[in-house]
Every structure is written in structure tokens, then in C-alpha cells.
């Protein structure tokens, strides 16, 4: 069984493209949000009941829309819809926009895949560097197919989570796959201030991404994508800063 989910919502073109590829590898179940959930990260719903509704979203594919977050979708799939069944692979996406570098922290697409990996399910999050609803996913589908096939053939071993980003260029311009680390960068944020019809102020989050990587450093996903490679970052959910452990051993004596 292959579980397909996303954060852009069940009607997004990206998940349609992902389902088209995933169904080539076996039985598919789709559980996705009933509305866009971008930027939800690993949020879960605790203050209201969750609802799932069977929908006819993909021909020949059992599909459900969920009132909650991407992580809620995975939890409901595993514990309710597929209870006592084996999920061989969870694929999330194809996200409209990059989830490279620090974006993995905020991404609902990657958090859904991460939640599955927490449950020891091999999981892959796919993203295309095009935010447009009219994005062309044909080149992305080629690499989604190759990566799913390779992961099923060779297994994923100890690492159960891959963060895959695909440059938004024609297939002929993609130079291949680069297995690399997460790039170092952050968002420089601004808030646009406005006034609503009642005279109350509101703030709208904007900003731009800034890379801290050297342009010559080829071992990160920022470089890979800028140079038209598909970036594949083996990822996890252990947030321990191992290099920092010795610096804080002194706390054991206070």
C-alpha cells in the first residue's frame, strides 16, 4: 500500500501528478487536506474533532479529504483507514514551491512525510520549485518515478525520510540527481501593515530567502537546485545538536 498526501489540498495539481506516478507501483490510498495547509509544519489538531470524507478525486483511487493538517492526514490514515495494514511507502506532494534548506521546518508537505517516518514508514516528500497553480509537473514526474522505483528496489535502510526538490526547468535541462545535505539559509521576514474596514490594524507576513552557503560549495541542496540538479536530502527528526553536547557538560555539575 502506498499512502499519498500533501499540504496544498486534495485538488492541487501537484498531488494529481504524484498519484499518476504512485499508482504505477501498486495500490494507492490518498488522504489529503480539504483546503490548502502550506506552512503548517508539524501541527496537529487538538481543539476540535477531525472529519474525513470519501471523495471521487482520482479515477480508480480510493481518496479521502481531511478537515485537519497534513500530519493529521497521516495519523488518520495509519490509525483509522489503514489500521492493521502495512504501509509500504508514504509519498507527500508534489508541493508547489521549494522545501529546500530551512523550509523543511515549516513545510506541511515534509511534516506529513516526517510523521510517517516517525512510524517507521519509508517516506518521501517531493517539491517542485514553482509556486504557480499552473505549474508544469511533467519533468518532475520523471524524477518522482525514478526515485520511487529506486527506493522500492533498494529499500531505504535506517533513513526513512527523503526531502526531494526538483528545479522548475525543462526535462532536458535537469542535470541529474544530487544527494546532499540541507543548505544553510533563513528567511528575512517583513510584515506589511494594513487597516481593515473596521479600522483595526493587521499584519501580512512577507520576506525573502537568504542563503548563507558559499556559491562554490556543492554539497548542499541550495547549490544543487541552483545548478539544475534534483536535490535529495536524507532527513530525520532527531534535533539533537551533537557537536554542542560537550559544550554543555558543565551543566551536570551545577
C-alpha atoms as a PDB file:
ATOM      1  CA  UNK A   1       0.000   0.000   0.000  1.00  0.00           C
ATOM      2  CA  UNK A   2       1.250   3.475  -0.933  1.00  0.00           C
ATOM      3  CA  UNK A   3      -0.130   6.415   1.038  1.00  0.00           C
ATOM      4  CA  UNK A   4      -0.284   9.735  -0.834  1.00  0.00           C
ATOM      5  CA  UNK A   5      -0.792  13.056   0.907  1.00  0.00           C
ATOM      6  CA  UNK A   6       0.185  16.725   0.583  1.00  0.00           C
ATOM      7  CA  UNK A   7      -0.286  20.181   2.096  1.00  0.00           C
ATOM      8  CA  UNK A   8      -1.677  22.082  -0.898  1.00  0.00           C
ATOM      9  CA  UNK A   9      -5.015  20.303  -0.665  1.00  0.00           C
ATOM     10  CA  UNK A  10      -6.618  17.378  -2.431  1.00  0.00           C
ATOM     11  CA  UNK A  11      -7.489  19.385  -5.567  1.00  0.00           C
ATOM     12  CA  UNK A  12      -3.958  20.715  -6.143  1.00  0.00           C
ATOM     13  CA  UNK A  13      -2.347  19.779  -9.482  1.00  0.00           C
ATOM     14  CA  UNK A  14       0.761  18.572  -7.641  1.00  0.00           C
ATOM     15  CA  UNK A  15      -0.990  15.728  -5.854  1.00  0.00           C
ATOM     16  CA  UNK A  16      -2.694  14.719  -9.089  1.00  0.00           C
ATOM     17  CA  UNK A  17       0.734  14.352 -10.695  1.00  0.00           C
ATOM     18  CA  UNK A  18       2.002  12.352  -7.714  1.00  0.00           C
ATOM     19  CA  UNK A  19      -0.972   9.993  -7.779  1.00  0.00           C
ATOM     20  CA  UNK A  20      -0.446   9.388 -11.510  1.00  0.00           C
ATOM     21  CA  UNK A  21       3.057   8.132 -10.752  1.00  0.00           C
ATOM     22  CA  UNK A  22       2.369   6.342  -7.456  1.00  0.00           C
ATOM     23  CA  UNK A  23      -0.400   4.181  -8.945  1.00  0.00           C
ATOM     24  CA  UNK A  24       2.195   2.601 -11.246  1.00  0.00           C
ATOM     25  CA  UNK A  25       3.777   0.918  -8.205  1.00  0.00           C
ATOM     26  CA  UNK A  26       0.770  -0.665  -6.517  1.00  0.00           C
ATOM     27  CA  UNK A  27      -2.378   0.043  -4.552  1.00  0.00           C
ATOM     28  CA  UNK A  28      -2.767   3.686  -3.538  1.00  0.00           C
ATOM     29  CA  UNK A  29      -4.735   5.449  -0.821  1.00  0.00           C
ATOM     30  CA  UNK A  30      -4.994   9.245  -0.874  1.00  0.00           C
ATOM     31  CA  UNK A  31      -5.654  11.174   2.339  1.00  0.00           C
ATOM     32  CA  UNK A  32      -5.137  14.911   1.916  1.00  0.00           C
ATOM     33  CA  UNK A  33      -6.373  18.182   3.433  1.00  0.00           C
ATOM     34  CA  UNK A  34      -9.682  19.568   2.203  1.00  0.00           C
ATOM     35  CA  UNK A  35      -8.074  23.016   1.892  1.00  0.00           C
ATOM     36  CA  UNK A  36      -4.528  24.413   1.486  1.00  0.00           C
ATOM     37  CA  UNK A  37      -2.344  23.851   4.558  1.00  0.00           C
ATOM     38  CA  UNK A  38       1.007  25.265   3.445  1.00  0.00           C
ATOM     39  CA  UNK A  39       3.315  26.348   6.249  1.00  0.00           C
ATOM     40  CA  UNK A  40       1.518  24.287   8.887  1.00  0.00           C
ATOM     41  CA  UNK A  41       4.685  22.399   9.751  1.00  0.00           C
ATOM     42  CA  UNK A  42       4.065  19.533  12.174  1.00  0.00           C
ATOM     43  CA  UNK A  43       0.856  20.980  13.563  1.00  0.00           C
ATOM     44  CA  UNK A  44      -1.834  18.590  14.782  1.00  0.00           C
ATOM     45  CA  UNK A  45      -5.476  19.304  15.577  1.00  0.00           C
ATOM     46  CA  UNK A  46      -6.353  19.083  19.278  1.00  0.00           C
ATOM     47  CA  UNK A  47      -9.093  21.674  19.862  1.00  0.00           C
ATOM     48  CA  UNK A  48     -11.805  20.328  17.539  1.00  0.00           C
ATOM     49  CA  UNK A  49     -12.831  16.984  16.088  1.00  0.00           C
ATOM     50  CA  UNK A  50     -11.375  15.804  12.807  1.00  0.00           C
ATOM     51  CA  UNK A  51     -13.528  14.790   9.876  1.00  0.00           C
ATOM     52  CA  UNK A  52     -12.682  12.656   6.858  1.00  0.00           C
ATOM     53  CA  UNK A  53     -14.889  12.312   3.821  1.00  0.00           C
ATOM     54  CA  UNK A  54     -14.552   9.902   0.928  1.00  0.00           C
ATOM     55  CA  UNK A  55     -14.304  11.782  -2.366  1.00  0.00           C
ATOM     56  CA  UNK A  56     -14.097  10.889  -6.033  1.00  0.00           C
ATOM     57  CA  UNK A  57     -10.940  12.871  -6.690  1.00  0.00           C
ATOM     58  CA  UNK A  58      -8.924  10.378  -8.763  1.00  0.00           C
ATOM     59  CA  UNK A  59     -10.299   7.754 -11.124  1.00  0.00           C
ATOM     60  CA  UNK A  60      -9.917   4.286  -9.659  1.00  0.00           C
ATOM     61  CA  UNK A  61      -8.159   5.517  -6.498  1.00  0.00           C
ATOM     62  CA  UNK A  62      -9.681   5.471  -3.017  1.00  0.00           C
ATOM     63  CA  UNK A  63      -9.415   9.027  -1.712  1.00  0.00           C
ATOM     64  CA  UNK A  64     -10.365  10.940   1.406  1.00  0.00           C
ATOM     65  CA  UNK A  65     -10.280  14.633   2.215  1.00  0.00           C
ATOM     66  CA  UNK A  66      -9.492  15.589   5.799  1.00  0.00           C
ATOM     67  CA  UNK A  67     -10.518  18.671   7.763  1.00  0.00           C
ATOM     68  CA  UNK A  68      -7.146  18.773   9.547  1.00  0.00           C
ATOM     69  CA  UNK A  69      -3.467  19.311   8.851  1.00  0.00           C
ATOM     70  CA  UNK A  70      -1.136  17.198   6.706  1.00  0.00           C
ATOM     71  CA  UNK A  71       0.115  15.418   9.831  1.00  0.00           C
ATOM     72  CA  UNK A  72      -3.493  14.725  10.845  1.00  0.00           C
ATOM     73  CA  UNK A  73      -3.983  13.100   7.438  1.00  0.00           C
ATOM     74  CA  UNK A  74      -1.132  10.661   8.031  1.00  0.00           C
ATOM     75  CA  UNK A  75      -2.255   9.857  11.570  1.00  0.00           C
ATOM     76  CA  UNK A  76      -5.813   9.136  10.439  1.00  0.00           C
ATOM     77  CA  UNK A  77      -4.616   7.054   7.514  1.00  0.00           C
ATOM     78  CA  UNK A  78      -2.416   4.879   9.706  1.00  0.00           C
ATOM     79  CA  UNK A  79      -4.640   4.547  12.749  1.00  0.00           C
ATOM     80  CA  UNK A  80      -8.135   4.572  11.236  1.00  0.00           C
ATOM     81  CA  UNK A  81      -8.316   3.967   7.497  1.00  0.00           C
ATOM     82  CA  UNK A  82      -5.398   1.531   7.278  1.00  0.00           C
ATOM     83  CA  UNK A  83      -5.460   0.166  10.799  1.00  0.00           C
ATOM     84  CA  UNK A  84      -3.642  -3.178  10.989  1.00  0.00           C
ATOM     85  CA  UNK A  85      -2.462  -2.801   7.384  1.00  0.00           C
ATOM     86  CA  UNK A  86       1.095  -2.341   6.173  1.00  0.00           C
ATOM     87  CA  UNK A  87       2.000   0.956   4.506  1.00  0.00           C
ATOM     88  CA  UNK A  88       4.954   0.226   2.255  1.00  0.00           C
ATOM     89  CA  UNK A  89       5.639   3.840   1.326  1.00  0.00           C
ATOM     90  CA  UNK A  90       4.300   7.316   2.067  1.00  0.00           C
ATOM     91  CA  UNK A  91       4.787   9.997  -0.587  1.00  0.00           C
ATOM     92  CA  UNK A  92       3.865  13.617   0.007  1.00  0.00           C
ATOM     93  CA  UNK A  93       3.476  16.389  -2.581  1.00  0.00           C
ATOM     94  CA  UNK A  94       4.230  17.249  -5.234  1.00  0.00           C
ATOM     95  CA  UNK A  95       4.483  20.547  -3.380  1.00  0.00           C
ATOM     96  CA  UNK A  96       4.022  23.815  -5.255  1.00  0.00           C
ATOM     97  CA  UNK A  97       7.265  25.587  -4.247  1.00  0.00           C
ATOM     98  CA  UNK A  98      10.611  24.790  -2.669  1.00  0.00           C
ATOM     99  CA  UNK A  99      11.085  22.867   0.543  1.00  0.00           C
ATOM    100  CA  UNK A 100      14.874  23.042   0.423  1.00  0.00           C
ATOM    101  CA  UNK A 101      17.103  24.276   3.259  1.00  0.00           C
ATOM    102  CA  UNK A 102      15.250  25.632   6.339  1.00  0.00           C
ATOM    103  CA  UNK A 103      11.902  25.344   4.555  1.00  0.00           C
ATOM    104  CA  UNK A 104      11.692  21.746   5.750  1.00  0.00           C
ATOM    105  CA  UNK A 105      10.912  23.109   9.239  1.00  0.00           C
ATOM    106  CA  UNK A 106       7.815  24.980   8.096  1.00  0.00           C
ATOM    107  CA  UNK A 107       6.623  22.618   5.383  1.00  0.00           C
ATOM    108  CA  UNK A 108       3.374  20.731   5.775  1.00  0.00           C
ATOM    109  CA  UNK A 109       4.425  18.534   2.853  1.00  0.00           C
ATOM    110  CA  UNK A 110       7.606  17.442   4.601  1.00  0.00           C
ATOM    111  CA  UNK A 111       5.963  17.207   8.022  1.00  0.00           C
ATOM    112  CA  UNK A 112       3.439  14.732   6.631  1.00  0.00           C
ATOM    113  CA  UNK A 113       6.275  12.600   5.278  1.00  0.00           C
ATOM    114  CA  UNK A 114       8.182  13.044   8.536  1.00  0.00           C
ATOM    115  CA  UNK A 115       5.189  11.889  10.578  1.00  0.00           C
ATOM    116  CA  UNK A 116       5.067   8.699   8.521  1.00  0.00           C
ATOM    117  CA  UNK A 117       8.793   8.188   9.052  1.00  0.00           C
ATOM    118  CA  UNK A 118       8.275   8.537  12.817  1.00  0.00           C
ATOM    119  CA  UNK A 119       6.015   5.496  12.446  1.00  0.00           C
ATOM    120  CA  UNK A 120       8.871   3.675  10.660  1.00  0.00           C
ATOM    121  CA  UNK A 121       7.209   4.033   7.254  1.00  0.00           C
ATOM    122  CA  UNK A 122       9.613   4.790   4.389  1.00  0.00           C
ATOM    123  CA  UNK A 123       8.631   8.284   3.271  1.00  0.00           C
ATOM    124  CA  UNK A 124       9.499  10.800   0.576  1.00  0.00           C
ATOM    125  CA  UNK A 125       8.453  14.423   0.246  1.00  0.00           C
ATOM    126  CA  UNK A 126       8.520  15.855  -3.282  1.00  0.00           C
ATOM    127  CA  UNK A 127       8.562  19.558  -4.159  1.00  0.00           C
ATOM    128  CA  UNK A 128       8.762  21.491  -7.415  1.00  0.00           C
ATOM    129  CA  UNK A 129      10.314  24.965  -7.399  1.00  0.00           C
ATOM    130  CA  UNK A 130       7.225  26.565  -8.941  1.00  0.00           C
ATOM    131  CA  UNK A 131       4.501  28.102  -6.766  1.00  0.00           C
ATOM    132  CA  UNK A 132       2.066  28.529  -9.653  1.00  0.00           C
ATOM    133  CA  UNK A 133      -1.205  26.587  -9.711  1.00  0.00           C
ATOM    134  CA  UNK A 134      -0.499  26.151 -13.442  1.00  0.00           C
ATOM    135  CA  UNK A 135       2.969  24.661 -12.835  1.00  0.00           C
ATOM    136  CA  UNK A 136       4.162  22.039 -15.332  1.00  0.00           C
ATOM    137  CA  UNK A 137       4.826  18.771 -13.464  1.00  0.00           C
ATOM    138  CA  UNK A 138       5.833  16.621 -16.438  1.00  0.00           C
ATOM    139  CA  UNK A 139       9.602  16.795 -15.822  1.00  0.00           C
ATOM    140  CA  UNK A 140       9.058  16.371 -12.080  1.00  0.00           C
ATOM    141  CA  UNK A 141       7.054  13.187 -12.684  1.00  0.00           C
ATOM    142  CA  UNK A 142      10.004  11.640 -14.500  1.00  0.00           C
ATOM    143  CA  UNK A 143      12.219  12.015 -11.438  1.00  0.00           C
ATOM    144  CA  UNK A 144       9.472  11.140  -8.978  1.00  0.00           C
ATOM    145  CA  UNK A 145       9.087   7.865 -10.863  1.00  0.00           C
ATOM    146  CA  UNK A 146      12.840   7.181 -10.873  1.00  0.00           C
ATOM    147  CA  UNK A 147      13.258   7.939  -7.174  1.00  0.00           C
ATOM    148  CA  UNK A 148      10.247   5.894  -6.048  1.00  0.00           C
ATOM    149  CA  UNK A 149      11.443   2.950  -8.157  1.00  0.00           C
ATOM    150  CA  UNK A 150      14.964   3.166  -6.753  1.00  0.00           C
ATOM    151  CA  UNK A 151      13.754   3.401  -3.154  1.00  0.00           C
ATOM    152  CA  UNK A 152      11.424   0.413  -3.563  1.00  0.00           C
ATOM    153  CA  UNK A 153      14.124  -1.642  -5.280  1.00  0.00           C
ATOM    154  CA  UNK A 154      16.938  -0.837  -2.850  1.00  0.00           C
ATOM    155  CA  UNK A 155      14.914  -0.137   0.314  1.00  0.00           C
ATOM    156  CA  UNK A 156      15.633   2.949   2.427  1.00  0.00           C
ATOM    157  CA  UNK A 157      17.509   1.329   5.290  1.00  0.00           C
ATOM    158  CA  UNK A 158      17.931   3.225   8.537  1.00  0.00           C
ATOM    159  CA  UNK A 159      16.928   6.554   6.997  1.00  0.00           C
ATOM    160  CA  UNK A 160      13.166   6.584   6.486  1.00  0.00           C
ATOM    161  CA  UNK A 161      12.792  10.127   5.138  1.00  0.00           C
ATOM    162  CA  UNK A 162      13.941  11.851   1.951  1.00  0.00           C
ATOM    163  CA  UNK A 163      13.441  15.519   1.094  1.00  0.00           C
ATOM    164  CA  UNK A 164      13.382  15.770  -2.707  1.00  0.00           C
ATOM    165  CA  UNK A 165      13.294  19.115  -4.520  1.00  0.00           C
ATOM    166  CA  UNK A 166      13.054  19.457  -8.284  1.00  0.00           C
ATOM    167  CA  UNK A 167      14.110  22.542 -10.279  1.00  0.00           C
ATOM    168  CA  UNK A 168      11.404  24.121 -12.426  1.00  0.00           C
ATOM    169  CA  UNK A 169      13.164  23.713 -15.752  1.00  0.00           C
ATOM    170  CA  UNK A 170      12.508  21.553 -18.827  1.00  0.00           C
ATOM    171  CA  UNK A 171      13.494  17.901 -18.501  1.00  0.00           C
ATOM    172  CA  UNK A 172      16.363  18.383 -20.938  1.00  0.00           C
ATOM    173  CA  UNK A 173      17.932  20.953 -18.605  1.00  0.00           C
ATOM    174  CA  UNK A 174      17.877  18.797 -15.456  1.00  0.00           C
ATOM    175  CA  UNK A 175      21.432  17.569 -14.926  1.00  0.00           C
ATOM    176  CA  UNK A 176      20.595  14.585 -12.734  1.00  0.00           C
ATOM    177  CA  UNK A 177      20.256  13.827  -9.026  1.00  0.00           C
ATOM    178  CA  UNK A 178      22.459  15.246  -6.272  1.00  0.00           C
ATOM    179  CA  UNK A 179      22.365  13.513  -2.874  1.00  0.00           C
ATOM    180  CA  UNK A 180      23.408  16.221  -0.451  1.00  0.00           C
ATOM    181  CA  UNK A 181      22.872  17.889   2.891  1.00  0.00           C
ATOM    182  CA  UNK A 182      20.342  20.547   3.817  1.00  0.00           C
ATOM    183  CA  UNK A 183      21.586  24.007   2.871  1.00  0.00           C
ATOM    184  CA  UNK A 184      22.217  26.774   5.382  1.00  0.00           C
ATOM    185  CA  UNK A 185      19.885  29.719   4.978  1.00  0.00           C
ATOM    186  CA  UNK A 186      16.971  31.532   6.509  1.00  0.00           C
ATOM    187  CA  UNK A 187      14.048  33.829   5.778  1.00  0.00           C
ATOM    188  CA  UNK A 188      14.480  37.567   6.286  1.00  0.00           C
ATOM    189  CA  UNK A 189      10.933  38.453   7.194  1.00  0.00           C
ATOM    190  CA  UNK A 190       8.880  41.595   6.941  1.00  0.00           C
ATOM    191  CA  UNK A 191       5.302  42.367   7.891  1.00  0.00           C
ATOM    192  CA  UNK A 192       3.160  44.535   5.662  1.00  0.00           C
ATOM    193  CA  UNK A 193       0.878  46.631   7.840  1.00  0.00           C
ATOM    194  CA  UNK A 194      -2.664  47.500   6.815  1.00  0.00           C
ATOM    195  CA  UNK A 195      -6.008  48.550   8.233  1.00  0.00           C
ATOM    196  CA  UNK A 196      -9.183  46.502   7.875  1.00  0.00           C
ATOM    197  CA  UNK A 197     -12.675  48.010   7.227  1.00  0.00           C
ATOM    198  CA  UNK A 198     -13.255  48.259  10.994  1.00  0.00           C
ATOM    199  CA  UNK A 199     -10.153  50.406  11.433  1.00  0.00           C
ATOM    200  CA  UNK A 200      -8.110  47.673  13.100  1.00  0.00           C
ATOM    201  CA  UNK A 201      -4.512  47.056  12.108  1.00  0.00           C
ATOM    202  CA  UNK A 202      -3.437  43.762  10.572  1.00  0.00           C
ATOM    203  CA  UNK A 203      -0.084  42.376   9.509  1.00  0.00           C
ATOM    204  CA  UNK A 204       0.708  40.243   6.451  1.00  0.00           C
ATOM    205  CA  UNK A 205       3.892  38.167   6.546  1.00  0.00           C
ATOM    206  CA  UNK A 206       6.299  38.609   3.633  1.00  0.00           C
ATOM    207  CA  UNK A 207      10.023  38.155   3.205  1.00  0.00           C
ATOM    208  CA  UNK A 208      12.797  36.665   1.121  1.00  0.00           C
ATOM    209  CA  UNK A 209      15.072  33.663   1.492  1.00  0.00           C
ATOM    210  CA  UNK A 210      18.767  34.328   2.089  1.00  0.00           C
ATOM    211  CA  UNK A 211      21.404  31.630   1.606  1.00  0.00           C
ATOM    212  CA  UNK A 212      24.488  31.513   3.826  1.00  0.00           C
ATOM    213  CA  UNK A 213      26.201  28.953   1.610  1.00  0.00           C
ATOM    214  CA  UNK A 214      29.303  29.673  -0.446  1.00  0.00           C
ATOM    215  CA  UNK A 215      28.496  29.551  -4.175  1.00  0.00           C
ATOM    216  CA  UNK A 216      31.410  27.123  -4.566  1.00  0.00           C
ATOM    217  CA  UNK A 217      30.099  24.617  -2.008  1.00  0.00           C
ATOM    218  CA  UNK A 218      28.461  21.822  -3.978  1.00  0.00           C
ATOM    219  CA  UNK A 219      27.388  19.653  -1.030  1.00  0.00           C
ATOM    220  CA  UNK A 220      24.031  21.278  -0.243  1.00  0.00           C
ATOM    221  CA  UNK A 221      20.553  21.447  -1.754  1.00  0.00           C
ATOM    222  CA  UNK A 222      20.690  25.204  -2.421  1.00  0.00           C
ATOM    223  CA  UNK A 223      23.649  24.724  -4.775  1.00  0.00           C
ATOM    224  CA  UNK A 224      22.130  21.622  -6.355  1.00  0.00           C
ATOM    225  CA  UNK A 225      18.874  23.327  -7.263  1.00  0.00           C
ATOM    226  CA  UNK A 226      20.552  26.493  -8.492  1.00  0.00           C
ATOM    227  CA  UNK A 227      22.606  24.314 -10.828  1.00  0.00           C
ATOM    228  CA  UNK A 228      19.588  22.366 -12.110  1.00  0.00           C
ATOM    229  CA  UNK A 229      20.076  19.158 -10.149  1.00  0.00           C
ATOM    230  CA  UNK A 230      17.276  17.334  -8.347  1.00  0.00           C
ATOM    231  CA  UNK A 231      18.309  17.558  -4.680  1.00  0.00           C
ATOM    232  CA  UNK A 232      17.824  14.540  -2.409  1.00  0.00           C
ATOM    233  CA  UNK A 233      18.447  15.165   1.289  1.00  0.00           C
ATOM    234  CA  UNK A 234      18.283  12.171   3.664  1.00  0.00           C
ATOM    235  CA  UNK A 235      16.466  13.668   6.647  1.00  0.00           C
ATOM    236  CA  UNK A 236      15.289  12.780  10.148  1.00  0.00           C
ATOM    237  CA  UNK A 237      13.583  14.003  13.279  1.00  0.00           C
ATOM    238  CA  UNK A 238      16.400  13.891  15.839  1.00  0.00           C
ATOM    239  CA  UNK A 239      17.012  17.579  16.582  1.00  0.00           C
ATOM    240  CA  UNK A 240      19.963  16.981  18.900  1.00  0.00           C
ATOM    241  CA  UNK A 241      22.921  19.295  18.193  1.00  0.00           C
ATOM    242  CA  UNK A 242      25.589  16.643  18.726  1.00  0.00           C
ATOM    243  CA  UNK A 243      28.541  18.998  18.289  1.00  0.00           C
ATOM    244  CA  UNK A 244      27.130  21.097  21.112  1.00  0.00           C
ATOM    245  CA  UNK A 245      26.931  18.299  23.700  1.00  0.00           C
ATOM    246  CA  UNK A 246      30.488  18.751  25.084  1.00  0.00           C
ATOM    247  CA  UNK A 247      29.959  22.497  25.499  1.00  0.00           C
ATOM    248  CA  UNK A 248      27.151  21.933  27.989  1.00  0.00           C
ATOM    249  CA  UNK A 249      28.551  19.047  30.050  1.00  0.00           C
ATOM    250  CA  UNK A 250      29.383  21.618  32.726  1.00  0.00           C
ATOM    251  CA  UNK A 251      25.654  21.817  33.497  1.00  0.00           C
ATOM    252  CA  UNK A 252      25.833  18.331  35.007  1.00  0.00           C
ATOM    253  CA  UNK A 253      27.821  19.707  37.943  1.00  0.00           C
ATOM    254  CA  UNK A 254      25.612  22.634  38.927  1.00  0.00           C
END
